[in-house]
Amino acid sequence: MKTKHFTKNLRIITLGCSKNLVDSQVLMRQLEAGGYNVDDDSGSRKPDAVIINTCGFINDAKEESVETILDYARARKNGDIEKLVVTGCLSQRYKKELEKEIHEVDAFFGVSDLKNILAFFETDYKKELIGERTLPGTKHFAYLKISEGCDRNCSFCAIPLIRGRHISQPIEKLVQEAGFLASQGVKELILIAQELNYYGIDLYKKRMLTTLLKELVKVDGIEWIRLHYAYPDGLTDEMLQMINDHPKLCKYLDIPVQHISDPILKSMRRSHNEAQTRKIVKNIRKLVPGIALRTTLIVGYPGETGAQFEALLDFVRESRFERLGVFTYSHEEDTYAYKLKDDVPEEVKNKRAAELMQVQEEISFDLNREKIGKTMKVIIDRHEGDYVIARSESDSPEVDNEILIRPEKPLEKGTFHKVRIIDAEAFDLIAEIAE
């Protein structure tokens, strides 16, 4: 390591989504190759410098990012750390404002400034590490970011303003990265993007997600592949049939429908209406029996009436999504919806979100009770007290249900086992080893 390096121990704090996590892991690998000791926020080593990878998507995420920066700014001012660097979506979107208000930060970088961050720490970008990243902590599952940015123009979303246009990664590069992850012990790949269904249109002039999946399932060591963030339209029958037929592809799909009211969907600038949404959900369930469908919804969008919210509640009751998340509308500057009046009070937004989640809790409990007595394959995630925590193919880490097992003998993280469900809670299952 060059003697001019002013720090040795670095810590990367990652906020926001799994896409940010991938960016942090790539940065970590590059910095380690430059001679640094790097850990994440679970590390015990006292850092000389801290890098905060921020989120700037919605108000709550922005507030968390600002509070985290301020916490470490105080540490920088008190001399507890030598350097403080901020990167990611928040600093991409509000760099000038942040520079003006928070002087303890040594440098602000955007979402595509990897080489500039490395230069700040006096090391070079190493092309030979393309496709490699560091996986601190959990190593048996990893996110594979197949594209960056988004060409959609949803009225409420600031992602295209922050991340730019859709850019697909070449298939050969993604297969290489999947192979590297498998060599590190990864058993489960979780494909992520702003929009999975758009994959390949820019690079290959046609949708290529199915083609990519056909290559990824060939990677030795990978046993599960699951799909996150697939826009409702663009789901081809060929891809759905592949999910149904191939043992490596989890019968799981994340399709954020956002709402069901036609006036709201039109204002949101979504390309599907109520009838199309219902048809899409019905077709998925027809072609992939037993699939676990995850969706996200927004409540409190400008102009949302009580009747429109009730229609959304009815849609959730009818659709019986296996997994569901709810966001309250966030009024984001420079988006199309920012021109609209944010006329649903915060307390009403929160009340509607709570009502939706109450309905979903009842659905989830009913669906879980139906699993009692059934046997399923699970992957072991971690140990908590007397329990081993696992997931089925219906569950993505950190956002979905978990399966609690009290085994008679130790079970290693990242291993697969057959379990029998013996009890159910609203969002968890209780199981015993069935092998």
Protein backbone atom coordinates (compact mmCIF):
# COMPACT_ATOMS: atom_id res chain seq x y z
CA MET A 1 0.00 0.00 0.00
CA LYS A 2 1.29 3.44 -0.87
CA THR A 3 2.57 5.36 2.12
CA LYS A 4 0.64 8.45 1.04
CA HIS A 5 -2.63 6.71 1.97
CA PHE A 6 -4.04 8.69 4.88
CA THR A 7 -6.25 5.86 6.13
CA LYS A 8 -6.12 2.10 6.36
CA ASN A 9 -9.40 0.92 7.84
CA LEU A 10 -12.54 1.87 5.93
CA ARG A 11 -16.20 1.27 6.70
CA ILE A 12 -18.97 1.38 4.11
CA ILE A 13 -22.47 2.14 5.43
CA THR A 14 -25.15 1.09 2.94
CA LEU A 15 -28.64 2.57 3.07
CA GLY A 16 -31.64 1.91 0.85
CA CYS A 17 -32.19 -0.91 -1.59
CA SER A 18 -30.37 -4.04 -2.68
CA LYS A 19 -29.05 -2.19 -5.74
CA ASN A 20 -27.09 0.08 -3.41
CA LEU A 21 -25.81 -2.99 -1.60
CA VAL A 22 -24.38 -4.37 -4.85
CA ASP A 23 -22.67 -1.03 -5.53
CA SER A 24 -21.13 -1.06 -2.05
CA GLN A 25 -19.88 -4.63 -2.47
CA VAL A 26 -18.18 -3.73 -5.78
CA LEU A 27 -16.59 -0.67 -4.17
CA MET A 28 -15.44 -2.78 -1.23
CA ARG A 29 -13.69 -5.27 -3.53
CA GLN A 30 -11.89 -2.51 -5.42
CA LEU A 31 -10.74 -0.78 -2.22
CA GLU A 32 -9.48 -4.06 -0.77
CA ALA A 33 -7.45 -4.60 -3.93
CA GLY A 34 -6.03 -1.10 -3.34
CA GLY A 35 -4.65 -2.17 0.03
CA TYR A 36 -7.41 -1.14 2.41
CA ASN A 37 -9.12 -3.06 5.17
CA VAL A 38 -12.83 -2.60 4.48
CA ASP A 39 -15.89 -3.71 6.41
CA ASP A 40 -19.59 -2.88 6.53
CA ASP A 41 -21.63 -1.53 9.43
CA SER A 42 -21.45 -4.89 11.19
CA GLY A 43 -17.68 -4.64 11.45
CA SER A 44 -15.96 -4.33 14.82
CA ARG A 45 -12.75 -2.68 13.58
CA LYS A 46 -12.51 1.05 14.33
CA PRO A 47 -12.63 2.86 10.99
CA ASP A 48 -10.26 5.62 9.95
CA ALA A 49 -12.70 6.71 7.25
CA VAL A 50 -16.38 6.13 6.58
CA ILE A 51 -18.17 5.97 3.23
CA ILE A 52 -21.97 6.35 3.36
CA ASN A 53 -23.86 4.98 0.36
CA THR A 54 -27.14 6.87 0.59
CA CYS A 55 -30.72 6.47 -0.61
CA GLY A 56 -32.70 9.39 -2.04
CA PHE A 57 -35.86 7.66 -3.25
CA ILE A 58 -38.62 8.80 -0.87
CA ASN A 59 -38.89 11.10 2.14
CA ASP A 60 -38.32 8.47 4.82
CA ALA A 61 -35.23 7.15 3.05
CA LYS A 62 -33.87 10.66 2.53
CA GLU A 63 -34.37 11.48 6.20
CA GLU A 64 -32.54 8.32 7.26
CA SER A 65 -29.66 9.17 4.92
CA VAL A 66 -29.38 12.75 6.20
CA GLU A 67 -29.49 11.61 9.84
CA THR A 68 -26.75 9.06 9.17
CA ILE A 69 -24.57 11.67 7.48
CA LEU A 70 -25.06 14.07 10.40
CA ASP A 71 -24.15 11.35 12.92
CA TYR A 72 -20.87 10.67 11.17
CA ALA A 73 -20.30 14.38 10.52
CA ARG A 74 -20.23 14.84 14.29
CA ALA A 75 -17.75 11.98 14.56
CA ARG A 76 -15.61 13.63 11.87
CA LYS A 77 -15.77 16.98 13.68
CA ASN A 78 -14.81 15.35 16.99
CA GLY A 79 -11.82 13.64 15.39
CA ASP A 80 -13.19 10.11 15.81
CA ILE A 81 -12.68 9.46 12.09
CA GLU A 82 -10.21 11.02 9.66
CA LYS A 83 -12.37 11.21 6.54
CA LEU A 84 -16.06 11.11 5.67
CA VAL A 85 -17.29 10.42 2.14
CA VAL A 86 -20.90 10.38 0.93
CA THR A 87 -22.04 8.66 -2.26
CA GLY A 88 -25.20 7.17 -3.74
CA CYS A 89 -28.64 8.45 -4.67
CA LEU A 90 -29.02 11.27 -2.13
CA SER A 91 -25.75 12.93 -3.07
CA GLN A 92 -26.46 12.36 -6.76
CA ARG A 93 -29.74 14.22 -6.37
CA TYR A 94 -28.84 16.89 -3.79
CA LYS A 95 -25.08 17.29 -4.02
CA LYS A 96 -25.06 21.10 -4.08
CA GLU A 97 -27.46 21.41 -1.17
CA LEU A 98 -25.51 18.87 0.90
CA GLU A 99 -22.18 20.53 0.20
CA LYS A 100 -23.64 23.83 1.32
CA GLU A 101 -25.13 22.49 4.55
CA ILE A 102 -22.75 19.77 5.79
CA HIS A 103 -19.14 20.94 5.75
CA GLU A 104 -17.66 18.02 7.68
CA VAL A 105 -18.03 15.73 4.66
CA ASP A 106 -14.75 15.56 2.73
CA ALA A 107 -16.31 14.63 -0.61
CA PHE A 108 -19.70 13.94 -2.18
CA PHE A 109 -20.03 11.51 -5.10
CA GLY A 110 -22.92 10.37 -7.29
CA VAL A 111 -24.18 6.92 -8.26
CA SER A 112 -21.70 6.37 -11.11
CA ASP A 113 -18.57 7.76 -9.47
CA LEU A 114 -16.80 4.51 -8.57
CA LYS A 115 -13.53 5.53 -10.23
CA ASN A 116 -13.65 8.98 -8.63
CA ILE A 117 -14.16 7.48 -5.17
CA LEU A 118 -11.19 5.21 -5.74
CA ALA A 119 -9.14 8.20 -6.87
CA PHE A 120 -10.08 10.04 -3.68
CA PHE A 121 -8.59 7.13 -1.75
CA GLU A 122 -5.55 7.22 -4.03
CA THR A 123 -6.06 3.89 -5.74
CA ASP A 124 -6.94 2.90 -9.29
CA TYR A 125 -9.90 1.05 -10.78
CA LYS A 126 -8.86 -2.52 -11.57
CA LYS A 127 -10.52 -3.89 -14.71
CA GLU A 128 -9.43 -7.42 -13.86
CA LEU A 129 -11.93 -7.33 -10.97
CA ILE A 130 -14.97 -6.80 -13.22
CA GLY A 131 -17.68 -9.16 -12.01
CA GLU A 132 -16.12 -9.52 -8.57
CA ARG A 133 -17.29 -8.09 -5.25
CA THR A 134 -16.88 -8.66 -1.56
CA LEU A 135 -19.69 -10.41 0.32
CA PRO A 136 -19.36 -9.56 4.00
CA GLY A 137 -21.58 -11.49 6.41
CA THR A 138 -24.15 -13.63 4.61
CA LYS A 139 -22.63 -15.35 1.60
CA HIS A 140 -25.19 -17.97 0.57
CA PHE A 141 -27.43 -15.52 -1.31
CA ALA A 142 -26.52 -12.51 -3.40
CA TYR A 143 -28.22 -9.93 -5.59
CA LEU A 144 -27.36 -9.83 -9.28
CA LYS A 145 -28.02 -6.39 -10.78
CA ILE A 146 -28.73 -7.05 -14.45
CA SER A 147 -29.29 -3.44 -15.50
CA GLU A 148 -29.10 0.13 -14.28
CA GLY A 149 -31.54 3.01 -14.64
CA CYS A 150 -35.05 3.06 -16.08
CA ASP A 151 -36.81 4.22 -19.24
CA ARG A 152 -40.26 4.26 -17.65
CA ASN A 153 -41.88 7.57 -16.74
CA CYS A 154 -43.99 6.71 -13.70
CA SER A 155 -45.24 9.99 -12.31
CA PHE A 156 -44.27 9.34 -8.69
CA CYS A 157 -40.77 7.95 -9.25
CA ALA A 158 -37.49 9.86 -9.07
CA ILE A 159 -35.30 6.89 -10.02
CA PRO A 160 -34.84 7.92 -13.71
CA LEU A 161 -33.76 11.38 -12.48
CA ILE A 162 -31.17 9.79 -10.21
CA ARG A 163 -30.03 6.66 -12.01
CA GLY A 164 -30.60 7.73 -15.62
CA ARG A 165 -31.69 5.72 -18.62
CA HIS A 166 -31.94 1.93 -18.70
CA ILE A 167 -28.58 0.25 -19.39
CA SER A 168 -28.45 -3.56 -19.60
CA GLN A 169 -25.37 -5.52 -18.61
CA PRO A 170 -24.16 -7.99 -21.28
CA ILE A 171 -25.22 -11.59 -20.77
CA GLU A 172 -21.65 -12.87 -20.74
CA LYS A 173 -20.69 -10.40 -18.02
CA LEU A 174 -23.64 -11.44 -15.85
CA VAL A 175 -22.87 -15.13 -16.33
CA GLN A 176 -19.25 -14.42 -15.35
CA GLU A 177 -20.42 -12.57 -12.24
CA ALA A 178 -22.80 -15.38 -11.33
CA GLY A 179 -19.93 -17.84 -11.66
CA PHE A 180 -17.78 -15.72 -9.34
CA LEU A 181 -20.59 -15.51 -6.78
CA ALA A 182 -21.06 -19.28 -6.92
CA SER A 183 -17.33 -19.71 -6.30
CA GLN A 184 -17.76 -17.64 -3.13
CA GLY A 185 -20.44 -19.98 -1.80
CA VAL A 186 -23.57 -18.27 -3.14
CA LYS A 187 -26.44 -20.72 -3.62
CA GLU A 188 -29.27 -18.29 -4.37
CA LEU A 189 -29.20 -15.50 -6.97
CA ILE A 190 -31.76 -12.71 -6.70
CA LEU A 191 -32.08 -10.82 -9.98
CA ILE A 192 -32.70 -7.11 -9.50
CA ALA A 193 -33.10 -4.04 -11.70
CA GLN A 194 -35.37 -1.05 -11.86
CA GLU A 195 -37.30 -3.06 -14.45
CA LEU A 196 -36.36 -6.69 -15.16
CA ASN A 197 -38.69 -7.02 -18.16
CA TYR A 198 -36.86 -4.26 -20.02
CA TYR A 199 -33.63 -6.22 -19.93
CA GLY A 200 -31.88 -6.37 -23.31
CA ILE A 201 -33.97 -3.87 -25.26
CA ASP A 202 -31.17 -1.29 -25.30
CA LEU A 203 -28.35 -3.77 -25.87
CA TYR A 204 -29.94 -6.46 -28.03
CA LYS A 205 -32.96 -4.55 -29.41
CA LYS A 206 -35.40 -7.03 -27.88
CA ARG A 207 -36.42 -8.38 -24.49
CA MET A 208 -33.80 -10.89 -23.40
CA LEU A 209 -34.66 -11.83 -19.82
CA THR A 210 -35.63 -15.37 -20.77
CA THR A 211 -32.40 -15.79 -22.74
CA LEU A 212 -30.42 -14.54 -19.76
CA LEU A 213 -32.20 -17.00 -17.46
CA LYS A 214 -31.39 -19.88 -19.82
CA GLU A 215 -27.69 -19.05 -19.36
CA LEU A 216 -27.79 -18.40 -15.62
CA VAL A 217 -29.42 -21.75 -14.81
CA LYS A 218 -26.32 -23.43 -16.29
CA VAL A 219 -24.03 -21.93 -13.62
CA ASP A 220 -22.79 -24.70 -11.34
CA GLY A 221 -23.38 -24.13 -7.64
CA ILE A 222 -26.44 -21.91 -8.03
CA GLU A 223 -29.54 -23.77 -6.86
CA TRP A 224 -32.15 -21.01 -6.67
CA ILE A 225 -32.77 -17.98 -8.91
CA ARG A 226 -35.57 -15.56 -8.06
CA LEU A 227 -36.87 -12.47 -9.87
CA HIS A 228 -37.47 -9.08 -8.27
CA TYR A 229 -39.01 -5.88 -9.70
CA ALA A 230 -40.69 -7.11 -12.86
CA TYR A 231 -43.06 -4.50 -14.32
CA PRO A 232 -46.51 -6.10 -14.77
CA ASP A 233 -46.60 -5.84 -18.54
CA GLY A 234 -43.85 -7.47 -20.57
CA LEU A 235 -44.16 -10.81 -18.75
CA THR A 236 -44.05 -13.28 -21.62
CA ASP A 237 -45.71 -16.67 -21.51
CA GLU A 238 -42.34 -18.19 -22.44
CA MET A 239 -40.70 -16.73 -19.35
CA LEU A 240 -43.57 -17.76 -17.07
CA GLN A 241 -43.47 -21.27 -18.51
CA MET A 242 -39.75 -21.41 -17.80
CA ILE A 243 -40.32 -20.36 -14.18
CA ASN A 244 -42.85 -23.17 -13.90
CA ASP A 245 -40.67 -25.83 -15.53
CA HIS A 246 -37.08 -25.22 -14.41
CA PRO A 247 -36.13 -26.48 -10.92
CA LYS A 248 -33.58 -23.70 -10.36
CA LEU A 249 -36.12 -20.92 -10.91
CA CYS A 250 -38.08 -20.11 -7.77
CA LYS A 251 -41.84 -20.03 -8.24
CA TYR A 252 -41.75 -16.44 -7.08
CA LEU A 253 -42.27 -13.14 -8.84
CA ASP A 254 -42.23 -9.55 -7.66
CA ILE A 255 -44.61 -7.41 -9.77
CA PRO A 256 -45.30 -3.93 -8.33
CA VAL A 257 -48.82 -3.04 -9.54
CA GLN A 258 -49.01 0.15 -7.37
CA HIS A 259 -52.81 0.58 -7.56
CA ILE A 260 -55.99 -0.75 -9.20
CA SER A 261 -58.08 2.40 -9.85
CA ASP A 262 -57.96 3.39 -13.53
CA PRO A 263 -57.84 7.17 -12.88
CA ILE A 264 -54.98 6.68 -10.40
CA LEU A 265 -53.07 4.33 -12.71
CA LYS A 266 -53.49 6.77 -15.58
CA SER A 267 -52.22 9.67 -13.47
CA MET A 268 -49.33 7.48 -12.31
CA ARG A 269 -48.49 7.02 -16.00
CA ARG A 270 -48.55 3.27 -15.67
CA SER A 271 -49.04 1.27 -18.87
CA HIS A 272 -51.62 -1.13 -17.39
CA ASN A 273 -55.19 -0.46 -16.33
CA GLU A 274 -57.41 -2.40 -13.91
CA ALA A 275 -58.64 -4.95 -16.44
CA GLN A 276 -55.12 -5.60 -17.74
CA THR A 277 -53.74 -5.92 -14.21
CA ARG A 278 -56.33 -8.53 -13.29
CA LYS A 279 -55.64 -10.41 -16.53
CA ILE A 280 -51.88 -10.38 -15.87
CA VAL A 281 -52.31 -11.76 -12.34
CA LYS A 282 -54.72 -14.44 -13.58
CA ASN A 283 -52.34 -15.47 -16.38
CA ILE A 284 -49.37 -15.76 -14.02
CA ARG A 285 -51.29 -18.02 -11.67
CA LYS A 286 -52.56 -20.11 -14.61
CA LEU A 287 -49.10 -20.69 -16.12
CA VAL A 288 -47.25 -21.07 -12.81
CA PRO A 289 -49.52 -22.92 -10.36
CA GLY A 290 -48.40 -22.43 -6.78
CA ILE A 291 -46.35 -19.30 -7.52
CA ALA A 292 -45.77 -16.81 -4.71
CA LEU A 293 -46.67 -13.35 -6.01
CA ARG A 294 -45.22 -10.27 -4.29
CA THR A 295 -46.49 -6.80 -5.10
CA THR A 296 -46.15 -3.26 -3.78
CA LEU A 297 -48.88 -0.64 -3.57
CA ILE A 298 -48.98 3.11 -3.05
CA VAL A 299 -51.69 4.73 -0.94
CA GLY A 300 -52.42 8.42 -0.64
CA TYR A 301 -51.49 9.31 -4.22
CA PRO A 302 -52.78 12.80 -5.15
CA GLY A 303 -56.53 12.71 -5.63
CA GLU A 304 -57.01 9.20 -4.22
CA THR A 305 -60.57 9.07 -2.93
CA GLY A 306 -62.02 6.89 -0.23
CA ALA A 307 -63.86 4.90 -2.87
CA GLN A 308 -60.67 4.31 -4.86
CA PHE A 309 -58.92 3.12 -1.73
CA GLU A 310 -61.80 0.75 -0.96
CA ALA A 311 -61.47 -0.63 -4.50
CA LEU A 312 -57.78 -1.26 -3.77
CA LEU A 313 -58.70 -3.10 -0.57
CA ASP A 314 -61.17 -5.25 -2.51
CA PHE A 315 -58.53 -6.00 -5.15
CA VAL A 316 -56.09 -7.21 -2.49
CA ARG A 317 -58.77 -9.39 -0.89
CA GLU A 318 -59.61 -10.92 -4.27
CA SER A 319 -56.04 -11.37 -5.50
CA ARG A 320 -54.71 -12.88 -2.26
CA PHE A 321 -51.11 -11.95 -2.94
CA GLU A 322 -48.74 -14.18 -1.02
CA ARG A 323 -46.49 -11.21 -0.24
CA LEU A 324 -47.32 -7.51 -0.20
CA GLY A 325 -45.70 -4.22 0.75
CA VAL A 326 -47.31 -0.78 1.06
CA PHE A 327 -45.80 2.68 0.63
CA THR A 328 -47.45 5.95 1.50
CA TYR A 329 -47.14 8.43 -1.37
CA SER A 330 -44.06 10.65 -1.19
CA HIS A 331 -44.27 14.02 -3.00
CA GLU A 332 -40.96 14.09 -4.88
CA GLU A 333 -39.75 17.27 -6.55
CA ASP A 334 -39.02 17.16 -10.29
CA THR A 335 -41.35 14.20 -10.81
CA TYR A 336 -44.48 14.49 -12.95
CA ALA A 337 -46.75 14.01 -9.92
CA TYR A 338 -45.06 16.91 -8.13
CA LYS A 339 -47.23 19.18 -10.28
CA LEU A 340 -50.28 17.69 -8.58
CA LYS A 341 -51.57 18.76 -5.20
CA ASP A 342 -50.45 16.42 -2.44
CA ASP A 343 -53.97 16.51 -1.02
CA VAL A 344 -54.24 13.32 1.04
CA PRO A 345 -53.27 14.14 4.65
CA GLU A 346 -50.40 12.14 6.16
CA GLU A 347 -52.64 10.68 8.85
CA VAL A 348 -55.02 9.41 6.16
CA LYS A 349 -52.12 7.93 4.18
CA ASN A 350 -50.85 6.11 7.26
CA LYS A 351 -54.36 4.90 8.19
CA ARG A 352 -54.88 3.48 4.70
CA ALA A 353 -51.48 1.78 4.73
CA ALA A 354 -52.31 0.18 8.09
CA GLU A 355 -55.70 -1.01 6.81
CA LEU A 356 -54.12 -2.60 3.76
CA MET A 357 -51.51 -4.38 5.85
CA GLN A 358 -54.21 -5.62 8.22
CA VAL A 359 -56.03 -7.20 5.28
CA GLN A 360 -52.75 -8.68 4.05
CA GLU A 361 -51.96 -10.07 7.49
CA GLU A 362 -55.27 -11.94 7.49
CA ILE A 363 -54.59 -13.28 3.97
CA SER A 364 -51.07 -14.32 4.89
CA PHE A 365 -52.31 -16.12 8.02
CA ASP A 366 -54.90 -18.04 6.01
CA LEU A 367 -52.34 -19.02 3.37
CA ASN A 368 -49.83 -20.05 6.02
CA ARG A 369 -52.35 -22.26 7.83
CA GLU A 370 -52.95 -24.08 4.55
CA LYS A 371 -49.28 -25.12 4.62
CA ILE A 372 -49.51 -27.00 7.92
CA GLY A 373 -48.61 -30.63 7.35
CA LYS A 374 -46.89 -29.95 4.03
CA THR A 375 -43.22 -30.63 3.28
CA MET A 376 -41.02 -28.10 1.52
CA LYS A 377 -37.41 -27.36 0.63
CA VAL A 378 -35.79 -24.52 2.58
CA ILE A 379 -32.45 -22.73 2.76
CA ILE A 380 -30.91 -21.98 6.15
CA ASP A 381 -30.31 -18.24 6.68
CA ARG A 382 -29.14 -17.79 10.28
CA HIS A 383 -29.40 -18.86 13.91
CA GLU A 384 -31.42 -16.99 16.55
CA GLY A 385 -31.42 -18.38 20.08
CA ASP A 386 -32.79 -21.92 20.01
CA TYR A 387 -34.12 -21.52 16.47
CA VAL A 388 -32.70 -21.84 12.99
CA ILE A 389 -34.24 -19.32 10.58
CA ALA A 390 -34.91 -20.57 7.06
CA ARG A 391 -36.79 -19.58 3.90
CA SER A 392 -38.70 -21.43 1.21
CA GLU A 393 -38.64 -20.58 -2.48
CA SER A 394 -41.69 -18.42 -1.75
CA ASP A 395 -39.66 -16.06 0.42
CA SER A 396 -37.06 -13.49 -0.48
CA PRO A 397 -34.61 -12.50 2.28
CA GLU A 398 -35.30 -9.51 4.51
CA VAL A 399 -38.75 -8.69 3.08
CA ASP A 400 -40.76 -11.91 3.22
CA ASN A 401 -41.89 -14.64 5.61
CA GLU A 402 -39.47 -16.86 7.51
CA ILE A 403 -39.55 -20.45 8.73
CA LEU A 404 -38.51 -21.21 12.30
CA ILE A 405 -36.95 -24.60 13.04
CA ARG A 406 -35.76 -26.03 16.34
CA PRO A 407 -33.42 -28.75 15.03
CA GLU A 408 -32.08 -31.73 16.92
CA LYS A 409 -28.65 -31.25 15.36
CA PRO A 410 -26.82 -28.15 14.03
CA LEU A 411 -27.78 -26.92 10.56
CA GLU A 412 -25.22 -25.00 8.55
CA LYS A 413 -26.08 -21.65 6.98
CA GLY A 414 -26.61 -21.85 3.24
CA THR A 415 -27.58 -25.53 3.22
CA PHE A 416 -30.86 -26.88 1.88
CA HIS A 417 -33.16 -29.17 3.85
CA LYS A 418 -36.63 -30.67 3.68
CA VAL A 419 -38.93 -29.53 6.48
CA ARG A 420 -42.48 -30.26 7.54
CA ILE A 421 -44.68 -27.35 8.59
CA ILE A 422 -46.19 -27.95 12.03
CA ASP A 423 -47.65 -24.54 12.90
CA ALA A 424 -48.36 -21.13 11.38
CA GLU A 425 -48.37 -17.48 12.35
CA ALA A 426 -49.40 -14.48 10.24
CA PHE A 427 -45.99 -13.95 8.68
CA ASP A 428 -43.96 -16.95 9.85
CA LEU A 429 -44.10 -20.73 9.75
CA ILE A 430 -42.93 -23.24 12.39
CA ALA A 431 -41.31 -26.39 11.04
CA GLU A 432 -39.41 -29.55 11.88
CA ILE A 433 -36.78 -31.36 9.87
CA ALA A 434 -38.39 -33.97 7.62
CA GLU A 435 -35.29 -35.70 6.33
